[in-house]
Amino acid sequence: MALAPNDPSLVMGAFGKIALFALIAAVIFYGVSMLIWRGGMHPGEAPNFAWAFQAGPALAFGMLVVMIAAYIVIFIIMFVLTLIFGAALGGMGAFSPGMLESGGAGAIGGGAIFLIIILYVAMIVFLLWVQGRFLVAGPVMANQLTRNPVTGLGESWRLTGPSQWTIVGFYLLFTIGIFIYAMIAGMIFGGVLGAIMGGSAVGAILTMIVMAAVVYLPVIMITFSMPVGVYRALAPRASGDVFA
């Protein structure tokens, strides 16, 4: 892409490959998840690969639709709030010390930054809430052996209702913990391997492999187990022996 900056086909081709990889990865991830969840809830049952790799992509598509709708809602709300409160917050910034240094533009900038921080935090909480409400859709589909994502999403919405903010808090703590752990692990292993390999390409590759082993694989394992663990807590009668 650096050799042909005026050729958009290279950029589009790169995004096309990324999208294809993401699609294949989602099919495999959700299909394997269905197999693991079904096997945990019904031990001794023969793996149903045909069902799993139909139900998994169906759930992936359903979650994609949900997240697109969530981002549309976020965009609309942020746009409206920016129009309504942007000027007001800029006026509040007129009383800040920055006003003396940069004039009115600095005051408006300070108000805009304040508004962006508030909206960004609200956006994160909203997305965590959406994910929490649909967290157990996969285990519901696995328990009922259905390929219909609407069934899983609807039942997940019903089950998570009474504990929705507890789930959001858990998700928030999990996200913060993973971020801190990944940052510390990256600094340690990246620094050690970088010092050993002298910043070479081999060192960069080894760093990626080590990071995948110590960060991304544990995160994936936790991601596998989290939905069915929450489902077990919310529906003990239906899945009292899940991964007991």
C-alpha atoms as a PDB file:
ATOM      1  CA  MET A   1       0.000   0.000   0.000  1.00  0.00           C
ATOM      2  CA  ALA A   2       2.936   2.340   0.657  1.00  0.00           C
ATOM      3  CA  LEU A   3       4.172   1.828  -2.914  1.00  0.00           C
ATOM      4  CA  ALA A   4       0.831   2.835  -4.433  1.00  0.00           C
ATOM      5  CA  PRO A   5      -0.814   5.448  -2.171  1.00  0.00           C
ATOM      6  CA  ASN A   6      -3.240   6.503  -4.897  1.00  0.00           C
ATOM      7  CA  ASP A   7      -4.527   2.990  -5.569  1.00  0.00           C
ATOM      8  CA  PRO A   8      -7.607   2.326  -3.379  1.00  0.00           C
ATOM      9  CA  SER A   9      -7.880  -1.252  -4.666  1.00  0.00           C
ATOM     10  CA  LEU A  10      -5.003  -2.305  -2.397  1.00  0.00           C
ATOM     11  CA  VAL A  11      -6.740  -0.918   0.667  1.00  0.00           C
ATOM     12  CA  MET A  12     -10.049  -2.489  -0.319  1.00  0.00           C
ATOM     13  CA  GLY A  13      -8.292  -5.780  -0.962  1.00  0.00           C
ATOM     14  CA  ALA A  14      -6.679  -5.673   2.455  1.00  0.00           C
ATOM     15  CA  PHE A  15     -10.012  -4.953   4.173  1.00  0.00           C
ATOM     16  CA  GLY A  16     -11.620  -7.721   2.106  1.00  0.00           C
ATOM     17  CA  LYS A  17      -9.058 -10.235   3.357  1.00  0.00           C
ATOM     18  CA  ILE A  18      -9.522  -9.048   6.930  1.00  0.00           C
ATOM     19  CA  ALA A  19     -13.306  -9.379   6.612  1.00  0.00           C
ATOM     20  CA  LEU A  20     -12.964 -12.875   5.140  1.00  0.00           C
ATOM     21  CA  PHE A  21     -10.638 -13.917   7.944  1.00  0.00           C
ATOM     22  CA  ALA A  22     -13.039 -12.465  10.537  1.00  0.00           C
ATOM     23  CA  LEU A  23     -15.942 -14.363   8.965  1.00  0.00           C
ATOM     24  CA  ILE A  24     -14.080 -17.685   8.991  1.00  0.00           C
ATOM     25  CA  ALA A  25     -12.836 -17.076  12.530  1.00  0.00           C
ATOM     26  CA  ALA A  26     -16.378 -16.272  13.736  1.00  0.00           C
ATOM     27  CA  VAL A  27     -17.772 -19.448  12.160  1.00  0.00           C
ATOM     28  CA  ILE A  28     -15.081 -21.585  13.809  1.00  0.00           C
ATOM     29  CA  PHE A  29     -15.265 -19.789  17.162  1.00  0.00           C
ATOM     30  CA  TYR A  30     -19.048 -19.945  17.523  1.00  0.00           C
ATOM     31  CA  GLY A  31     -19.245 -23.470  16.107  1.00  0.00           C
ATOM     32  CA  VAL A  32     -16.658 -24.771  18.579  1.00  0.00           C
ATOM     33  CA  SER A  33     -18.392 -22.843  21.357  1.00  0.00           C
ATOM     34  CA  MET A  34     -21.663 -24.610  20.564  1.00  0.00           C
ATOM     35  CA  LEU A  35     -19.934 -28.003  20.697  1.00  0.00           C
ATOM     36  CA  ILE A  36     -18.309 -27.206  24.054  1.00  0.00           C
ATOM     37  CA  TRP A  37     -21.500 -25.798  25.593  1.00  0.00           C
ATOM     38  CA  ARG A  38     -23.644 -28.688  24.363  1.00  0.00           C
ATOM     39  CA  GLY A  39     -21.115 -31.253  25.552  1.00  0.00           C
ATOM     40  CA  GLY A  40     -20.905 -29.612  28.976  1.00  0.00           C
ATOM     41  CA  MET A  41     -24.674 -29.511  29.454  1.00  0.00           C
ATOM     42  CA  HIS A  42     -25.290 -32.981  28.044  1.00  0.00           C
ATOM     43  CA  PRO A  43     -22.242 -35.109  28.860  1.00  0.00           C
ATOM     44  CA  GLY A  44     -21.958 -38.390  27.024  1.00  0.00           C
ATOM     45  CA  GLU A  45     -23.871 -37.141  23.998  1.00  0.00           C
ATOM     46  CA  ALA A  46     -22.165 -37.592  20.627  1.00  0.00           C
ATOM     47  CA  PRO A  47     -20.914 -34.270  19.165  1.00  0.00           C
ATOM     48  CA  ASN A  48     -23.367 -32.867  16.640  1.00  0.00           C
ATOM     49  CA  PHE A  49     -21.021 -31.092  14.254  1.00  0.00           C
ATOM     50  CA  ALA A  50     -23.692 -30.390  11.635  1.00  0.00           C
ATOM     51  CA  TRP A  51     -25.910 -28.596  14.146  1.00  0.00           C
ATOM     52  CA  ALA A  52     -23.015 -26.754  15.837  1.00  0.00           C
ATOM     53  CA  PHE A  53     -21.634 -25.271  12.620  1.00  0.00           C
ATOM     54  CA  GLN A  54     -25.103 -24.122  11.618  1.00  0.00           C
ATOM     55  CA  ALA A  55     -26.182 -22.768  15.007  1.00  0.00           C
ATOM     56  CA  GLY A  56     -22.810 -21.077  15.604  1.00  0.00           C
ATOM     57  CA  PRO A  57     -22.836 -18.887  12.469  1.00  0.00           C
ATOM     58  CA  ALA A  58     -26.535 -18.164  13.060  1.00  0.00           C
ATOM     59  CA  LEU A  59     -25.702 -16.833  16.530  1.00  0.00           C
ATOM     60  CA  ALA A  60     -22.749 -14.875  15.119  1.00  0.00           C
ATOM     61  CA  PHE A  61     -25.038 -13.245  12.560  1.00  0.00           C
ATOM     62  CA  GLY A  62     -27.643 -12.486  15.221  1.00  0.00           C
ATOM     63  CA  MET A  63     -25.028 -10.838  17.445  1.00  0.00           C
ATOM     64  CA  LEU A  64     -23.716  -8.872  14.454  1.00  0.00           C
ATOM     65  CA  VAL A  65     -27.202  -7.485  13.835  1.00  0.00           C
ATOM     66  CA  VAL A  66     -27.565  -6.630  17.532  1.00  0.00           C
ATOM     67  CA  MET A  67     -24.223  -4.817  17.668  1.00  0.00           C
ATOM     68  CA  ILE A  68     -24.916  -2.892  14.446  1.00  0.00           C
ATOM     69  CA  ALA A  69     -28.225  -1.754  15.932  1.00  0.00           C
ATOM     70  CA  ALA A  70     -26.430  -0.777  19.155  1.00  0.00           C
ATOM     71  CA  TYR A  71     -23.879   1.317  17.264  1.00  0.00           C
ATOM     72  CA  ILE A  72     -26.644   3.029  15.291  1.00  0.00           C
ATOM     73  CA  VAL A  73     -28.362   3.935  18.564  1.00  0.00           C
ATOM     74  CA  ILE A  74     -25.059   5.232  19.961  1.00  0.00           C
ATOM     75  CA  PHE A  75     -24.417   7.333  16.867  1.00  0.00           C
ATOM     76  CA  ILE A  76     -27.876   8.901  16.968  1.00  0.00           C
ATOM     77  CA  ILE A  77     -27.708   9.653  20.698  1.00  0.00           C
ATOM     78  CA  MET A  78     -24.194  11.088  20.505  1.00  0.00           C
ATOM     79  CA  PHE A  79     -25.140  13.245  17.540  1.00  0.00           C
ATOM     80  CA  VAL A  80     -28.222  14.630  19.283  1.00  0.00           C
ATOM     81  CA  LEU A  81     -26.437  15.227  22.591  1.00  0.00           C
ATOM     82  CA  THR A  82     -23.559  16.932  20.817  1.00  0.00           C
ATOM     83  CA  LEU A  83     -25.977  19.293  19.103  1.00  0.00           C
ATOM     84  CA  ILE A  84     -27.862  20.033  22.318  1.00  0.00           C
ATOM     85  CA  PHE A  85     -25.094  20.256  24.900  1.00  0.00           C
ATOM     86  CA  GLY A  86     -21.999  21.035  22.869  1.00  0.00           C
ATOM     87  CA  ALA A  87     -22.486  24.795  22.925  1.00  0.00           C
ATOM     88  CA  ALA A  88     -23.536  24.755  26.584  1.00  0.00           C
ATOM     89  CA  LEU A  89     -20.438  22.875  27.676  1.00  0.00           C
ATOM     90  CA  GLY A  90     -18.336  25.212  25.587  1.00  0.00           C
ATOM     91  CA  GLY A  91     -19.861  28.095  27.503  1.00  0.00           C
ATOM     92  CA  MET A  92     -19.054  26.389  30.805  1.00  0.00           C
ATOM     93  CA  GLY A  93     -15.464  26.109  29.594  1.00  0.00           C
ATOM     94  CA  ALA A  94     -15.326  29.893  29.350  1.00  0.00           C
ATOM     95  CA  PHE A  95     -14.759  29.981  33.103  1.00  0.00           C
ATOM     96  CA  SER A  96     -11.733  27.679  32.920  1.00  0.00           C
ATOM     97  CA  PRO A  97      -8.098  28.874  33.046  1.00  0.00           C
ATOM     98  CA  GLY A  98      -7.650  27.662  29.479  1.00  0.00           C
ATOM     99  CA  MET A  99      -9.895  30.508  28.367  1.00  0.00           C
ATOM    100  CA  LEU A 100      -7.191  32.983  29.357  1.00  0.00           C
ATOM    101  CA  GLU A 101      -4.598  31.171  27.274  1.00  0.00           C
ATOM    102  CA  SER A 102      -6.410  30.232  24.072  1.00  0.00           C
ATOM    103  CA  GLY A 103      -9.497  32.411  23.992  1.00  0.00           C
ATOM    104  CA  GLY A 104     -12.960  31.235  23.095  1.00  0.00           C
ATOM    105  CA  ALA A 105     -11.691  28.398  20.913  1.00  0.00           C
ATOM    106  CA  GLY A 106      -9.937  26.884  23.912  1.00  0.00           C
ATOM    107  CA  ALA A 107     -13.097  27.131  26.001  1.00  0.00           C
ATOM    108  CA  ILE A 108     -15.169  25.393  23.357  1.00  0.00           C
ATOM    109  CA  GLY A 109     -12.425  22.788  22.964  1.00  0.00           C
ATOM    110  CA  GLY A 110     -12.438  22.113  26.697  1.00  0.00           C
ATOM    111  CA  GLY A 111     -16.198  21.717  26.725  1.00  0.00           C
ATOM    112  CA  ALA A 112     -16.040  19.409  23.727  1.00  0.00           C
ATOM    113  CA  ILE A 113     -13.400  17.250  25.389  1.00  0.00           C
ATOM    114  CA  PHE A 114     -15.497  17.043  28.546  1.00  0.00           C
ATOM    115  CA  LEU A 115     -18.525  16.016  26.492  1.00  0.00           C
ATOM    116  CA  ILE A 116     -16.528  13.420  24.547  1.00  0.00           C
ATOM    117  CA  ILE A 117     -15.244  11.820  27.762  1.00  0.00           C
ATOM    118  CA  ILE A 118     -18.756  11.556  29.188  1.00  0.00           C
ATOM    119  CA  LEU A 119     -20.162  10.123  25.971  1.00  0.00           C
ATOM    120  CA  TYR A 120     -17.288   7.692  25.596  1.00  0.00           C
ATOM    121  CA  VAL A 121     -17.785   6.303  29.111  1.00  0.00           C
ATOM    122  CA  ALA A 122     -21.531   6.067  28.505  1.00  0.00           C
ATOM    123  CA  MET A 123     -20.901   4.276  25.212  1.00  0.00           C
ATOM    124  CA  ILE A 124     -18.686   1.671  26.905  1.00  0.00           C
ATOM    125  CA  VAL A 125     -21.277   1.045  29.630  1.00  0.00           C
ATOM    126  CA  PHE A 126     -24.038   0.771  27.034  1.00  0.00           C
ATOM    127  CA  LEU A 127     -22.087  -1.740  24.936  1.00  0.00           C
ATOM    128  CA  LEU A 128     -21.260  -3.803  28.028  1.00  0.00           C
ATOM    129  CA  TRP A 129     -24.942  -3.739  28.945  1.00  0.00           C
ATOM    130  CA  VAL A 130     -25.939  -4.958  25.479  1.00  0.00           C
ATOM    131  CA  GLN A 131     -23.357  -7.746  25.602  1.00  0.00           C
ATOM    132  CA  GLY A 132     -24.479  -8.691  29.095  1.00  0.00           C
ATOM    133  CA  ARG A 133     -28.146  -8.915  28.134  1.00  0.00           C
ATOM    134  CA  PHE A 134     -27.353 -11.313  25.270  1.00  0.00           C
ATOM    135  CA  LEU A 135     -24.504 -13.143  27.000  1.00  0.00           C
ATOM    136  CA  VAL A 136     -26.282 -16.490  27.470  1.00  0.00           C
ATOM    137  CA  ALA A 137     -27.894 -16.679  24.016  1.00  0.00           C
ATOM    138  CA  GLY A 138     -25.359 -19.309  22.928  1.00  0.00           C
ATOM    139  CA  PRO A 139     -25.814 -21.637  25.924  1.00  0.00           C
ATOM    140  CA  VAL A 140     -29.598 -21.318  25.532  1.00  0.00           C
ATOM    141  CA  MET A 141     -29.333 -22.438  21.899  1.00  0.00           C
ATOM    142  CA  ALA A 142     -26.973 -25.244  22.903  1.00  0.00           C
ATOM    143  CA  ASN A 143     -29.261 -26.446  25.687  1.00  0.00           C
ATOM    144  CA  GLN A 144     -32.332 -26.420  23.439  1.00  0.00           C
ATOM    145  CA  LEU A 145     -30.408 -27.721  20.383  1.00  0.00           C
ATOM    146  CA  THR A 146     -31.888 -24.976  18.221  1.00  0.00           C
ATOM    147  CA  ARG A 147     -30.484 -23.136  15.221  1.00  0.00           C
ATOM    148  CA  ASN A 148     -32.743 -20.115  15.682  1.00  0.00           C
ATOM    149  CA  PRO A 149     -30.749 -17.166  17.103  1.00  0.00           C
ATOM    150  CA  VAL A 150     -33.952 -15.274  17.906  1.00  0.00           C
ATOM    151  CA  THR A 151     -34.811 -17.979  20.446  1.00  0.00           C
ATOM    152  CA  GLY A 152     -31.430 -17.664  22.126  1.00  0.00           C
ATOM    153  CA  LEU A 153     -31.377 -13.870  22.093  1.00  0.00           C
ATOM    154  CA  GLY A 154     -34.930 -13.587  23.403  1.00  0.00           C
ATOM    155  CA  GLU A 155     -34.383 -16.100  26.213  1.00  0.00           C
ATOM    156  CA  SER A 156     -31.081 -14.451  27.125  1.00  0.00           C
ATOM    157  CA  TRP A 157     -32.806 -11.085  27.378  1.00  0.00           C
ATOM    158  CA  ARG A 158     -35.384 -12.608  29.739  1.00  0.00           C
ATOM    159  CA  LEU A 159     -32.905 -14.491  31.925  1.00  0.00           C
ATOM    160  CA  THR A 160     -30.427 -11.661  32.372  1.00  0.00           C
ATOM    161  CA  GLY A 161     -33.044  -9.033  33.225  1.00  0.00           C
ATOM    162  CA  PRO A 162     -32.945  -9.366  37.050  1.00  0.00           C
ATOM    163  CA  SER A 163     -29.116  -9.451  37.172  1.00  0.00           C
ATOM    164  CA  GLN A 164     -28.257  -7.166  34.289  1.00  0.00           C
ATOM    165  CA  TRP A 165     -26.220  -4.587  36.221  1.00  0.00           C
ATOM    166  CA  THR A 166     -24.366  -7.267  38.164  1.00  0.00           C
ATOM    167  CA  ILE A 167     -23.354  -8.758  34.816  1.00  0.00           C
ATOM    168  CA  VAL A 168     -22.331  -5.325  33.520  1.00  0.00           C
ATOM    169  CA  GLY A 169     -20.173  -4.771  36.602  1.00  0.00           C
ATOM    170  CA  PHE A 170     -18.583  -8.183  36.167  1.00  0.00           C
ATOM    171  CA  TYR A 171     -17.925  -7.456  32.496  1.00  0.00           C
ATOM    172  CA  LEU A 172     -16.382  -4.091  33.391  1.00  0.00           C
ATOM    173  CA  LEU A 173     -14.045  -5.601  35.985  1.00  0.00           C
ATOM    174  CA  PHE A 174     -13.134  -8.386  33.553  1.00  0.00           C
ATOM    175  CA  THR A 175     -12.354  -5.884  30.790  1.00  0.00           C
ATOM    176  CA  ILE A 176     -10.213  -3.729  33.077  1.00  0.00           C
ATOM    177  CA  GLY A 177      -8.372  -6.781  34.398  1.00  0.00           C
ATOM    178  CA  ILE A 178      -7.658  -8.127  30.919  1.00  0.00           C
ATOM    179  CA  PHE A 179      -6.416  -4.711  29.768  1.00  0.00           C
ATOM    180  CA  ILE A 180      -4.046  -4.376  32.727  1.00  0.00           C
ATOM    181  CA  TYR A 181      -2.812  -7.954  32.370  1.00  0.00           C
ATOM    182  CA  ALA A 182      -2.248  -7.610  28.604  1.00  0.00           C
ATOM    183  CA  MET A 183      -0.386  -4.328  29.084  1.00  0.00           C
ATOM    184  CA  ILE A 184       1.894  -5.737  31.796  1.00  0.00           C
ATOM    185  CA  ALA A 185       2.503  -8.978  29.884  1.00  0.00           C
ATOM    186  CA  GLY A 186       3.275  -7.017  26.719  1.00  0.00           C
ATOM    187  CA  MET A 187       5.788  -4.831  28.534  1.00  0.00           C
ATOM    188  CA  ILE A 188       7.493  -7.800  30.196  1.00  0.00           C
ATOM    189  CA  PHE A 189       7.642 -10.296  27.339  1.00  0.00           C
ATOM    190  CA  GLY A 190       8.026  -7.662  24.635  1.00  0.00           C
ATOM    191  CA  GLY A 191      10.895  -6.022  26.501  1.00  0.00           C
ATOM    192  CA  VAL A 192      12.639  -9.315  27.307  1.00  0.00           C
ATOM    193  CA  LEU A 193      12.364 -10.764  23.807  1.00  0.00           C
ATOM    194  CA  GLY A 194      13.184  -7.396  22.242  1.00  0.00           C
ATOM    195  CA  ALA A 195      16.363  -7.170  24.301  1.00  0.00           C
ATOM    196  CA  ILE A 196      17.338 -10.756  23.474  1.00  0.00           C
ATOM    197  CA  MET A 197      16.630 -10.548  19.738  1.00  0.00           C
ATOM    198  CA  GLY A 198      17.802  -6.974  19.298  1.00  0.00           C
ATOM    199  CA  GLY A 199      14.557  -5.712  17.774  1.00  0.00           C
ATOM    200  CA  SER A 200      14.725  -8.135  14.824  1.00  0.00           C
ATOM    201  CA  ALA A 201      11.784  -9.464  12.835  1.00  0.00           C
ATOM    202  CA  VAL A 202      12.267 -12.868  14.458  1.00  0.00           C
ATOM    203  CA  GLY A 203      11.995 -11.248  17.864  1.00  0.00           C
ATOM    204  CA  ALA A 204       8.758  -9.548  16.850  1.00  0.00           C
ATOM    205  CA  ILE A 205       7.310 -12.873  15.666  1.00  0.00           C
ATOM    206  CA  LEU A 206       8.384 -14.641  18.865  1.00  0.00           C
ATOM    207  CA  THR A 207       6.820 -11.843  20.893  1.00  0.00           C
ATOM    208  CA  MET A 208       3.524 -12.312  19.044  1.00  0.00           C
ATOM    209  CA  ILE A 209       3.618 -16.078  19.649  1.00  0.00           C
ATOM    210  CA  VAL A 210       4.371 -15.665  23.343  1.00  0.00           C
ATOM    211  CA  MET A 211       1.668 -13.017  23.715  1.00  0.00           C
ATOM    212  CA  ALA A 212      -0.825 -15.334  22.037  1.00  0.00           C
ATOM    213  CA  ALA A 213       0.076 -18.101  24.494  1.00  0.00           C
ATOM    214  CA  VAL A 214       0.030 -16.042  27.685  1.00  0.00           C
ATOM    215  CA  VAL A 215      -2.709 -13.520  26.870  1.00  0.00           C
ATOM    216  CA  TYR A 216      -5.019 -14.367  24.003  1.00  0.00           C
ATOM    217  CA  LEU A 217      -5.463 -18.103  24.621  1.00  0.00           C
ATOM    218  CA  PRO A 218      -6.450 -17.589  28.287  1.00  0.00           C
ATOM    219  CA  VAL A 219      -8.837 -14.830  27.220  1.00  0.00           C
ATOM    220  CA  ILE A 220     -10.440 -17.158  24.661  1.00  0.00           C
ATOM    221  CA  MET A 221     -10.780 -19.920  27.273  1.00  0.00           C
ATOM    222  CA  ILE A 222     -12.453 -17.516  29.694  1.00  0.00           C
ATOM    223  CA  THR A 223     -14.686 -16.278  26.871  1.00  0.00           C
ATOM    224  CA  PHE A 224     -15.750 -19.873  26.228  1.00  0.00           C
ATOM    225  CA  SER A 225     -16.588 -20.521  29.875  1.00  0.00           C
ATOM    226  CA  MET A 226     -18.124 -17.186  30.882  1.00  0.00           C
ATOM    227  CA  PRO A 227     -21.486 -17.474  29.050  1.00  0.00           C
ATOM    228  CA  VAL A 228     -22.211 -20.992  30.249  1.00  0.00           C
ATOM    229  CA  GLY A 229     -21.137 -20.081  33.782  1.00  0.00           C
ATOM    230  CA  VAL A 230     -23.582 -17.173  33.844  1.00  0.00           C
ATOM    231  CA  TYR A 231     -26.261 -19.412  32.309  1.00  0.00           C
ATOM    232  CA  ARG A 232     -25.680 -21.960  35.046  1.00  0.00           C
ATOM    233  CA  ALA A 233     -26.132 -19.259  37.687  1.00  0.00           C
ATOM    234  CA  LEU A 234     -29.276 -17.829  36.080  1.00  0.00           C
ATOM    235  CA  ALA A 235     -30.988 -21.103  35.166  1.00  0.00           C
ATOM    236  CA  PRO A 236     -29.864 -23.710  37.730  1.00  0.00           C
ATOM    237  CA  ARG A 237     -32.806 -26.021  37.033  1.00  0.00           C
ATOM    238  CA  ALA A 238     -32.035 -26.189  33.332  1.00  0.00           C
ATOM    239  CA  SER A 239     -28.273 -26.496  33.698  1.00  0.00           C
ATOM    240  CA  GLY A 240     -27.446 -27.361  37.282  1.00  0.00           C
ATOM    241  CA  ASP A 241     -24.650 -29.716  36.311  1.00  0.00           C
ATOM    242  CA  VAL A 242     -23.012 -27.547  33.679  1.00  0.00           C
ATOM    243  CA  PHE A 243     -19.236 -28.001  33.999  1.00  0.00           C
ATOM    244  CA  ALA A 244     -19.784 -29.073  37.619  1.00  0.00           C
END
